[in-house]
PDB file of N, CA and C in Angstrom:
ATOM      1  N   MET A   1     147.227 -80.478 234.970  1.00  0.00           N
ATOM      2  CA  MET A   1     148.160 -81.200 235.785  1.00  0.00           C
ATOM      3  C   MET A   1     147.569 -82.489 236.175  1.00  0.00           C
ATOM      4  N   GLU A   2     148.239 -83.557 235.965  1.00  0.00           N
ATOM      5  CA  GLU A   2     147.640 -84.850 236.386  1.00  0.00           C
ATOM      6  C   GLU A   2     148.503 -85.278 237.633  1.00  0.00           C
ATOM      7  N   ILE A   3     147.753 -85.807 238.675  1.00  0.00           N
ATOM      8  CA  ILE A   3     148.354 -86.217 239.906  1.00  0.00           C
ATOM      9  C   ILE A   3     147.977 -87.567 240.154  1.00  0.00           C
ATOM     10  N   GLU A   4     148.959 -88.424 240.452  1.00  0.00           N
ATOM     11  CA  GLU A   4     148.674 -89.851 240.903  1.00  0.00           C
ATOM     12  C   GLU A   4     149.375 -90.157 242.207  1.00  0.00           C
ATOM     13  N   ILE A   5     148.628 -90.851 243.028  1.00  0.00           N
ATOM     14  CA  ILE A   5     149.135 -91.170 244.366  1.00  0.00           C
ATOM     15  C   ILE A   5     149.828 -92.524 244.248  1.00  0.00           C
ATOM     16  N   GLY A   6     151.004 -92.624 244.918  1.00  0.00           N
ATOM     17  CA  GLY A   6     151.679 -93.902 245.138  1.00  0.00           C
ATOM     18  C   GLY A   6     152.295 -94.355 243.781  1.00  0.00           C
ATOM     19  N   LYS A   7     152.496 -95.754 243.624  1.00  0.00           N
ATOM     20  CA  LYS A   7     153.137 -96.387 242.518  1.00  0.00           C
ATOM     21  C   LYS A   7     152.476 -96.165 241.224  1.00  0.00           C
ATOM     22  N   THR A   8     151.156 -95.786 241.234  1.00  0.00           N
ATOM     23  CA  THR A   8     150.536 -95.610 239.980  1.00  0.00           C
ATOM     24  C   THR A   8     151.045 -94.378 239.230  1.00  0.00           C
ATOM     25  N   GLY A   9     151.656 -93.522 239.888  1.00  0.00           N
ATOM     26  CA  GLY A   9     152.223 -92.283 239.196  1.00  0.00           C
ATOM     27  C   GLY A   9     153.662 -92.392 238.718  1.00  0.00           C
ATOM     28  N   LEU A  10     154.309 -93.534 238.950  1.00  0.00           N
ATOM     29  CA  LEU A  10     155.713 -93.746 238.565  1.00  0.00           C
ATOM     30  C   LEU A  10     155.950 -93.444 237.092  1.00  0.00           C
ATOM     31  N   GLY A  11     154.956 -93.907 236.284  1.00  0.00           N
ATOM     32  CA  GLY A  11     155.090 -93.874 234.874  1.00  0.00           C
ATOM     33  C   GLY A  11     154.833 -92.526 234.169  1.00  0.00           C
ATOM     34  N   LEU A  12     154.464 -91.580 235.070  1.00  0.00           N
ATOM     35  CA  LEU A  12     154.010 -90.113 234.627  1.00  0.00           C
ATOM     36  C   LEU A  12     155.421 -89.358 234.319  1.00  0.00           C
ATOM     37  N   ALA A  13     156.600 -89.918 234.540  1.00  0.00           N
ATOM     38  CA  ALA A  13     157.738 -89.295 234.212  1.00  0.00           C
ATOM     39  C   ALA A  13     157.835 -88.999 232.797  1.00  0.00           C
ATOM     40  N   MET A  14     158.538 -87.938 232.454  1.00  0.00           N
ATOM     41  CA  MET A  14     158.606 -87.508 231.001  1.00  0.00           C
ATOM     42  C   MET A  14     159.655 -88.363 230.276  1.00  0.00           C
ATOM     43  N   GLN A  15     160.595 -88.986 230.965  1.00  0.00           N
ATOM     44  CA  GLN A  15     161.549 -89.838 230.417  1.00  0.00           C
ATOM     45  C   GLN A  15     161.563 -91.288 231.012  1.00  0.00           C
ATOM     46  N   ASP A  16     162.525 -91.594 231.777  1.00  0.00           N
ATOM     47  CA  ASP A  16     162.520 -92.869 232.415  1.00  0.00           C
ATOM     48  C   ASP A  16     161.574 -92.803 233.628  1.00  0.00           C
ATOM     49  N   ASP A  17     160.933 -93.932 234.008  1.00  0.00           N
ATOM     50  CA  ASP A  17     159.969 -93.934 235.087  1.00  0.00           C
ATOM     51  C   ASP A  17     160.776 -93.510 236.417  1.00  0.00           C
ATOM     52  N   PHE A  18     159.936 -92.871 237.253  1.00  0.00           N
ATOM     53  CA  PHE A  18     160.583 -92.628 238.606  1.00  0.00           C
ATOM     54  C   PHE A  18     160.711 -93.884 239.372  1.00  0.00           C
ATOM     55  N   GLU A  19     161.600 -93.928 240.316  1.00  0.00           N
ATOM     56  CA  GLU A  19     161.867 -94.984 241.207  1.00  0.00           C
ATOM     57  C   GLU A  19     160.757 -95.065 242.289  1.00  0.00           C
ATOM     58  N   GLU A  20     160.490 -96.115 242.818  1.00  0.00           N
ATOM     59  CA  GLU A  20     159.528 -96.389 243.886  1.00  0.00           C
ATOM     60  C   GLU A  20     160.116 -95.893 245.234  1.00  0.00           C
ATOM     61  N   ARG A  21     161.362 -95.984 245.421  1.00  0.00           N
ATOM     62  CA  ARG A  21     162.098 -95.605 246.557  1.00  0.00           C
ATOM     63  C   ARG A  21     163.468 -94.944 246.253  1.00  0.00           C
ATOM     64  N   ILE A  22     163.798 -93.916 247.078  1.00  0.00           N
ATOM     65  CA  ILE A  22     165.063 -93.270 246.728  1.00  0.00           C
ATOM     66  C   ILE A  22     165.663 -92.931 247.999  1.00  0.00           C
ATOM     67  N   GLU A  23     167.054 -92.702 248.035  1.00  0.00           N
ATOM     68  CA  GLU A  23     167.842 -92.390 249.218  1.00  0.00           C
ATOM     69  C   GLU A  23     167.506 -90.969 249.680  1.00  0.00           C
ATOM     70  N   CYS A  24     167.232 -90.771 250.970  1.00  0.00           N
ATOM     71  CA  CYS A  24     166.937 -89.416 251.629  1.00  0.00           C
ATOM     72  C   CYS A  24     168.265 -88.634 251.639  1.00  0.00           C
ATOM     73  N   PRO A  25     168.261 -87.484 251.053  1.00  0.00           N
ATOM     74  CA  PRO A  25     169.488 -86.693 251.076  1.00  0.00           C
ATOM     75  C   PRO A  25     169.760 -86.030 252.409  1.00  0.00           C
ATOM     76  N   TYR A  26     168.788 -86.046 253.343  1.00  0.00           N
ATOM     77  CA  TYR A  26     168.903 -85.401 254.589  1.00  0.00           C
ATOM     78  C   TYR A  26     169.481 -86.333 255.686  1.00  0.00           C
ATOM     79  N   CYS A  27     168.938 -87.570 255.723  1.00  0.00           N
ATOM     80  CA  CYS A  27     169.440 -88.583 256.778  1.00  0.00           C
ATOM     81  C   CYS A  27     169.983 -89.888 256.235  1.00  0.00           C
ATOM     82  N   GLY A  28     169.899 -90.023 254.968  1.00  0.00           N
ATOM     83  CA  GLY A  28     170.380 -91.368 254.475  1.00  0.00           C
ATOM     84  C   GLY A  28     169.385 -92.404 254.432  1.00  0.00           C
ATOM     85  N   GLY A  29     168.177 -92.115 254.985  1.00  0.00           N
ATOM     86  CA  GLY A  29     167.180 -93.279 255.090  1.00  0.00           C
ATOM     87  C   GLY A  29     166.595 -93.515 253.696  1.00  0.00           C
ATOM     88  N   THR A  30     165.478 -94.208 253.602  1.00  0.00           N
ATOM     89  CA  THR A  30     164.692 -94.455 252.368  1.00  0.00           C
ATOM     90  C   THR A  30     163.555 -93.717 252.328  1.00  0.00           C
ATOM     91  N   ALA A  31     163.281 -93.034 251.235  1.00  0.00           N
ATOM     92  CA  ALA A  31     162.187 -92.183 250.982  1.00  0.00           C
ATOM     93  C   ALA A  31     161.254 -92.888 250.031  1.00  0.00           C
ATOM     94  N   TRP A  32     160.032 -93.230 250.320  1.00  0.00           N
ATOM     95  CA  TRP A  32     159.087 -93.862 249.598  1.00  0.00           C
ATOM     96  C   TRP A  32     158.074 -92.866 248.801  1.00  0.00           C
ATOM     97  N   ILE A  33     157.702 -93.353 247.585  1.00  0.00           N
ATOM     98  CA  ILE A  33     156.934 -92.478 246.822  1.00  0.00           C
ATOM     99  C   ILE A  33     155.613 -92.065 247.501  1.00  0.00           C
ATOM    100  N   ALA A  34     155.209 -90.779 247.289  1.00  0.00           N
ATOM    101  CA  ALA A  34     153.874 -90.376 247.974  1.00  0.00           C
ATOM    102  C   ALA A  34     153.068 -90.175 246.766  1.00  0.00           C
ATOM    103  N   PHE A  35     153.390 -89.278 245.838  1.00  0.00           N
ATOM    104  CA  PHE A  35     152.666 -88.816 244.619  1.00  0.00           C
ATOM    105  C   PHE A  35     153.563 -88.225 243.471  1.00  0.00           C
ATOM    106  N   VAL A  36     152.941 -88.290 242.311  1.00  0.00           N
ATOM    107  CA  VAL A  36     153.624 -87.562 241.140  1.00  0.00           C
ATOM    108  C   VAL A  36     152.633 -86.681 240.535  1.00  0.00           C
ATOM    109  N   ALA A  37     153.156 -85.519 240.227  1.00  0.00           N
ATOM    110  CA  ALA A  37     152.403 -84.473 239.510  1.00  0.00           C
ATOM    111  C   ALA A  37     153.031 -84.237 238.182  1.00  0.00           C
ATOM    112  N   ALA A  38     152.438 -84.265 237.084  1.00  0.00           N
ATOM    113  CA  ALA A  38     152.927 -84.138 235.761  1.00  0.00           C
ATOM    114  C   ALA A  38     151.987 -83.208 234.973  1.00  0.00           C
ATOM    115  N   GLU A  39     152.709 -82.263 234.163  1.00  0.00           N
ATOM    116  CA  GLU A  39     152.019 -81.413 233.338  1.00  0.00           C
ATOM    117  C   GLU A  39     151.597 -82.178 232.036  1.00  0.00           C
ATOM    118  N   VAL A  40     150.308 -82.136 231.780  1.00  0.00           N
ATOM    119  CA  VAL A  40     149.800 -82.832 230.758  1.00  0.00           C
ATOM    120  C   VAL A  40     148.835 -81.867 229.958  1.00  0.00           C
ATOM    121  N   LEU A  41     149.229 -81.492 228.728  1.00  0.00           N
ATOM    122  CA  LEU A  41     148.481 -80.585 227.927  1.00  0.00           C
ATOM    123  C   LEU A  41     148.050 -79.287 228.685  1.00  0.00           C
ATOM    124  N   GLU A  42     148.936 -78.666 229.276  1.00  0.00           N
ATOM    125  CA  GLU A  42     148.586 -77.389 230.078  1.00  0.00           C
ATOM    126  C   GLU A  42     148.657 -76.305 229.149  1.00  0.00           C
ATOM    127  N   GLU A  43     147.947 -75.240 229.488  1.00  0.00           N
ATOM    128  CA  GLU A  43     148.014 -73.963 228.825  1.00  0.00           C
ATOM    129  C   GLU A  43     149.229 -73.197 229.256  1.00  0.00           C
ATOM    130  N   THR A  44     149.432 -73.197 230.518  1.00  0.00           N
ATOM    131  CA  THR A  44     150.645 -72.530 231.117  1.00  0.00           C
ATOM    132  C   THR A  44     151.450 -73.610 231.787  1.00  0.00           C
ATOM    133  N   TYR A  45     152.686 -73.631 231.310  1.00  0.00           N
ATOM    134  CA  TYR A  45     153.652 -74.517 231.878  1.00  0.00           C
ATOM    135  C   TYR A  45     154.484 -73.842 232.954  1.00  0.00           C
ATOM    136  N   ILE A  46     154.995 -74.723 233.819  1.00  0.00           N
ATOM    137  CA  ILE A  46     155.886 -74.203 234.859  1.00  0.00           C
ATOM    138  C   ILE A  46     157.185 -73.566 234.200  1.00  0.00           C
ATOM    139  N   CYS A  47     157.604 -74.065 233.116  1.00  0.00           N
ATOM    140  CA  CYS A  47     158.785 -73.610 232.470  1.00  0.00           C
ATOM    141  C   CYS A  47     158.626 -72.037 231.985  1.00  0.00           C
ATOM    142  N   LYS A  48     157.369 -71.605 231.910  1.00  0.00           N
ATOM    143  CA  LYS A  48     157.170 -70.252 231.493  1.00  0.00           C
ATOM    144  C   LYS A  48     157.054 -69.281 232.656  1.00  0.00           C
ATOM    145  N   MET A  49     157.048 -69.765 233.856  1.00  0.00           N
ATOM    146  CA  MET A  49     156.888 -68.979 235.050  1.00  0.00           C
ATOM    147  C   MET A  49     158.150 -68.106 235.348  1.00  0.00           C
ATOM    148  N   HIS A  50     159.376 -68.546 235.063  1.00  0.00           N
ATOM    149  CA  HIS A  50     160.515 -67.744 235.415  1.00  0.00           C
ATOM    150  C   HIS A  50     161.528 -67.849 234.161  1.00  0.00           C
ATOM    151  N   PRO A  51     162.394 -66.871 233.996  1.00  0.00           N
ATOM    152  CA  PRO A  51     163.323 -66.990 232.937  1.00  0.00           C
ATOM    153  C   PRO A  51     164.371 -67.985 233.097  1.00  0.00           C
ATOM    154  N   ASN A  52     164.978 -68.543 232.146  1.00  0.00           N
ATOM    155  CA  ASN A  52     166.119 -69.371 232.156  1.00  0.00           C
ATOM    156  C   ASN A  52     167.239 -68.582 231.573  1.00  0.00           C
ATOM    157  N   ASP A  53     167.854 -67.892 232.419  1.00  0.00           N
ATOM    158  CA  ASP A  53     168.852 -66.909 232.060  1.00  0.00           C
ATOM    159  C   ASP A  53     170.153 -67.093 232.699  1.00  0.00           C
ATOM    160  N   TRP A  54     170.580 -68.355 232.909  1.00  0.00           N
ATOM    161  CA  TRP A  54     171.883 -68.538 233.738  1.00  0.00           C
ATOM    162  C   TRP A  54     173.121 -68.141 232.969  1.00  0.00           C
ATOM    163  N   GLU A  55     172.979 -68.066 231.631  1.00  0.00           N
ATOM    164  CA  GLU A  55     174.160 -67.564 230.750  1.00  0.00           C
ATOM    165  C   GLU A  55     174.213 -66.113 230.562  1.00  0.00           C
ATOM    166  N   LYS A  56     173.049 -65.498 230.964  1.00  0.00           N
ATOM    167  CA  LYS A  56     172.959 -64.036 230.709  1.00  0.00           C
ATOM    168  C   LYS A  56     173.434 -63.187 231.864  1.00  0.00           C
ATOM    169  N   GLU A  57     173.890 -61.951 231.680  1.00  0.00           N
ATOM    170  CA  GLU A  57     174.251 -61.125 232.786  1.00  0.00           C
ATOM    171  C   GLU A  57     173.005 -60.411 233.263  1.00  0.00           C
ATOM    172  N   THR A  58     172.438 -60.876 234.327  1.00  0.00           N
ATOM    173  CA  THR A  58     171.249 -60.209 234.944  1.00  0.00           C
ATOM    174  C   THR A  58     171.578 -59.931 236.343  1.00  0.00           C
ATOM    175  N   ASP A  59     170.704 -59.367 236.978  1.00  0.00           N
ATOM    176  CA  ASP A  59     170.732 -59.055 238.556  1.00  0.00           C
ATOM    177  C   ASP A  59     170.558 -60.414 239.247  1.00  0.00           C
ATOM    178  N   ASP A  60     169.805 -61.305 238.742  1.00  0.00           N
ATOM    179  CA  ASP A  60     169.650 -62.631 239.417  1.00  0.00           C
ATOM    180  C   ASP A  60     169.678 -63.761 238.421  1.00  0.00           C
ATOM    181  N   PRO A  61     170.879 -64.035 237.792  1.00  0.00           N
ATOM    182  CA  PRO A  61     170.900 -65.076 236.824  1.00  0.00           C
ATOM    183  C   PRO A  61     170.665 -66.431 237.481  1.00  0.00           C
ATOM    184  N   GLY A  62     170.049 -67.273 236.778  1.00  0.00           N
ATOM    185  CA  GLY A  62     169.808 -68.683 237.242  1.00  0.00           C
ATOM    186  C   GLY A  62     169.165 -69.575 236.215  1.00  0.00           C
ATOM    187  N   ARG A  63     169.287 -70.854 236.490  1.00  0.00           N
ATOM    188  CA  ARG A  63     168.692 -71.859 235.579  1.00  0.00           C
ATOM    189  C   ARG A  63     167.241 -72.036 235.997  1.00  0.00           C
ATOM    190  N   TRP A  64     166.481 -72.473 235.025  1.00  0.00           N
ATOM    191  CA  TRP A  64     165.050 -72.819 235.194  1.00  0.00           C
ATOM    192  C   TRP A  64     164.810 -73.874 234.174  1.00  0.00           C
ATOM    193  N   ILE A  65     163.788 -74.608 234.408  1.00  0.00           N
ATOM    194  CA  ILE A  65     163.448 -75.843 233.522  1.00  0.00           C
ATOM    195  C   ILE A  65     163.085 -75.114 232.195  1.00  0.00           C
ATOM    196  N   HIS A  66     163.304 -75.975 231.148  1.00  0.00           N
ATOM    197  CA  HIS A  66     163.030 -75.495 229.690  1.00  0.00           C
ATOM    198  C   HIS A  66     161.847 -76.127 229.098  1.00  0.00           C
ATOM    199  N   ASP A  67     161.136 -77.032 229.641  1.00  0.00           N
ATOM    200  CA  ASP A  67     160.110 -77.700 229.015  1.00  0.00           C
ATOM    201  C   ASP A  67     159.085 -78.240 230.058  1.00  0.00           C
ATOM    202  N   SER A  68     158.060 -78.955 229.627  1.00  0.00           N
ATOM    203  CA  SER A  68     157.084 -79.536 230.573  1.00  0.00           C
ATOM    204  C   SER A  68     157.758 -80.448 231.527  1.00  0.00           C
ATOM    205  N   CYS A  69     157.209 -80.653 232.753  1.00  0.00           N
ATOM    206  CA  CYS A  69     158.011 -81.453 233.761  1.00  0.00           C
ATOM    207  C   CYS A  69     156.968 -82.346 234.497  1.00  0.00           C
ATOM    208  N   ALA A  70     157.544 -83.275 235.165  1.00  0.00           N
ATOM    209  CA  ALA A  70     156.821 -84.132 236.105  1.00  0.00           C
ATOM    210  C   ALA A  70     157.704 -84.153 237.430  1.00  0.00           C
ATOM    211  N   VAL A  71     157.040 -84.092 238.577  1.00  0.00           N
ATOM    212  CA  VAL A  71     157.727 -84.068 239.873  1.00  0.00           C
ATOM    213  C   VAL A  71     157.233 -85.259 240.748  1.00  0.00           C
ATOM    214  N   ALA A  72     158.069 -86.056 241.229  1.00  0.00           N
ATOM    215  CA  ALA A  72     157.806 -86.988 242.102  1.00  0.00           C
ATOM    216  C   ALA A  72     158.080 -86.688 243.558  1.00  0.00           C
ATOM    217  N   VAL A  73     157.232 -86.753 244.416  1.00  0.00           N
ATOM    218  CA  VAL A  73     157.331 -86.438 245.828  1.00  0.00           C
ATOM    219  C   VAL A  73     157.467 -87.659 246.676  1.00  0.00           C
ATOM    220  N   TYR A  74     158.541 -87.817 247.426  1.00  0.00           N
ATOM    221  CA  TYR A  74     158.783 -88.960 248.372  1.00  0.00           C
ATOM    222  C   TYR A  74     158.700 -88.498 249.802  1.00  0.00           C
ATOM    223  N   ILE A  75     158.522 -89.334 250.643  1.00  0.00           N
ATOM    224  CA  ILE A  75     158.663 -89.140 252.173  1.00  0.00           C
ATOM    225  C   ILE A  75     159.458 -90.104 252.706  1.00  0.00           C
ATOM    226  N   CYS A  76     160.483 -89.523 253.542  1.00  0.00           N
ATOM    227  CA  CYS A  76     161.499 -90.385 254.159  1.00  0.00           C
ATOM    228  C   CYS A  76     160.909 -91.146 255.308  1.00  0.00           C
ATOM    229  N   ARG A  77     161.108 -92.516 255.291  1.00  0.00           N
ATOM    230  CA  ARG A  77     160.468 -93.320 256.415  1.00  0.00           C
ATOM    231  C   ARG A  77     161.299 -93.270 257.795  1.00  0.00           C
ATOM    232  N   LYS A  78     162.503 -92.459 257.665  1.00  0.00           N
ATOM    233  CA  LYS A  78     163.293 -92.364 258.983  1.00  0.00           C
ATOM    234  C   LYS A  78     163.089 -90.982 259.511  1.00  0.00           C
ATOM    235  N   CYS A  79     163.242 -89.904 258.690  1.00  0.00           N
ATOM    236  CA  CYS A  79     163.083 -88.467 259.246  1.00  0.00           C
ATOM    237  C   CYS A  79     161.729 -87.748 258.925  1.00  0.00           C
ATOM    238  N   LEU A  80     160.939 -88.438 257.962  1.00  0.00           N
ATOM    239  CA  LEU A  80     159.714 -87.878 257.559  1.00  0.00           C
ATOM    240  C   LEU A  80     159.777 -86.598 256.708  1.00  0.00           C
ATOM    241  N   LYS A  81     160.942 -86.213 256.298  1.00  0.00           N
ATOM    242  CA  LYS A  81     161.072 -85.105 255.391  1.00  0.00           C
ATOM    243  C   LYS A  81     160.693 -85.448 253.989  1.00  0.00           C
ATOM    244  N   PRO A  82     160.059 -84.436 253.243  1.00  0.00           N
ATOM    245  CA  PRO A  82     159.733 -84.664 251.805  1.00  0.00           C
ATOM    246  C   PRO A  82     160.988 -84.581 250.898  1.00  0.00           C
ATOM    247  N   VAL A  83     161.083 -85.394 249.934  1.00  0.00           N
ATOM    248  CA  VAL A  83     162.194 -85.379 249.078  1.00  0.00           C
ATOM    249  C   VAL A  83     161.493 -85.313 247.555  1.00  0.00           C
ATOM    250  N   ALA A  84     161.982 -84.647 246.620  1.00  0.00           N
ATOM    251  CA  ALA A  84     161.437 -84.508 245.352  1.00  0.00           C
ATOM    252  C   ALA A  84     162.489 -84.776 244.217  1.00  0.00           C
ATOM    253  N   GLU A  85     162.018 -85.326 243.210  1.00  0.00           N
ATOM    254  CA  GLU A  85     162.761 -85.544 241.974  1.00  0.00           C
ATOM    255  C   GLU A  85     161.902 -84.953 240.781  1.00  0.00           C
ATOM    256  N   MET A  86     162.595 -84.372 239.829  1.00  0.00           N
ATOM    257  CA  MET A  86     161.919 -83.755 238.739  1.00  0.00           C
ATOM    258  C   MET A  86     162.482 -84.201 237.380  1.00  0.00           C
ATOM    259  N   ASP A  87     161.867 -84.397 236.365  1.00  0.00           N
ATOM    260  CA  ASP A  87     162.291 -84.618 235.082  1.00  0.00           C
ATOM    261  C   ASP A  87     161.532 -83.752 234.059  1.00  0.00           C
ATOM    262  N   GLN A  88     162.103 -83.484 232.927  1.00  0.00           N
ATOM    263  CA  GLN A  88     161.436 -82.673 231.878  1.00  0.00           C
ATOM    264  C   GLN A  88     161.345 -83.445 230.517  1.00  0.00           C
ATOM    265  N   ALA A  89     160.427 -83.043 229.748  1.00  0.00           N
ATOM    266  CA  ALA A  89     160.262 -83.656 228.459  1.00  0.00           C
ATOM    267  C   ALA A  89     161.480 -83.345 227.513  1.00  0.00           C
TER     268      ALA A  89
END
């Protein structure tokens, strides 16, 4: 896992770069980037932690990521709640 603090981590996204600021879904304020964590050459990926069985008939069907991922964590400047965005390879 590679972790970068602040703007330096925006490019760790698996597809398009993460944004520096996003809208807070809790209060509508602006959440600023805190850090980004990205899976890089891991032996065990998060995608292998739980089944991706949303189309199957199971007791607890649900979606799960299917590939390596990167997660950007933001903190809202208005309400101080953490906000996260994730993308996958």
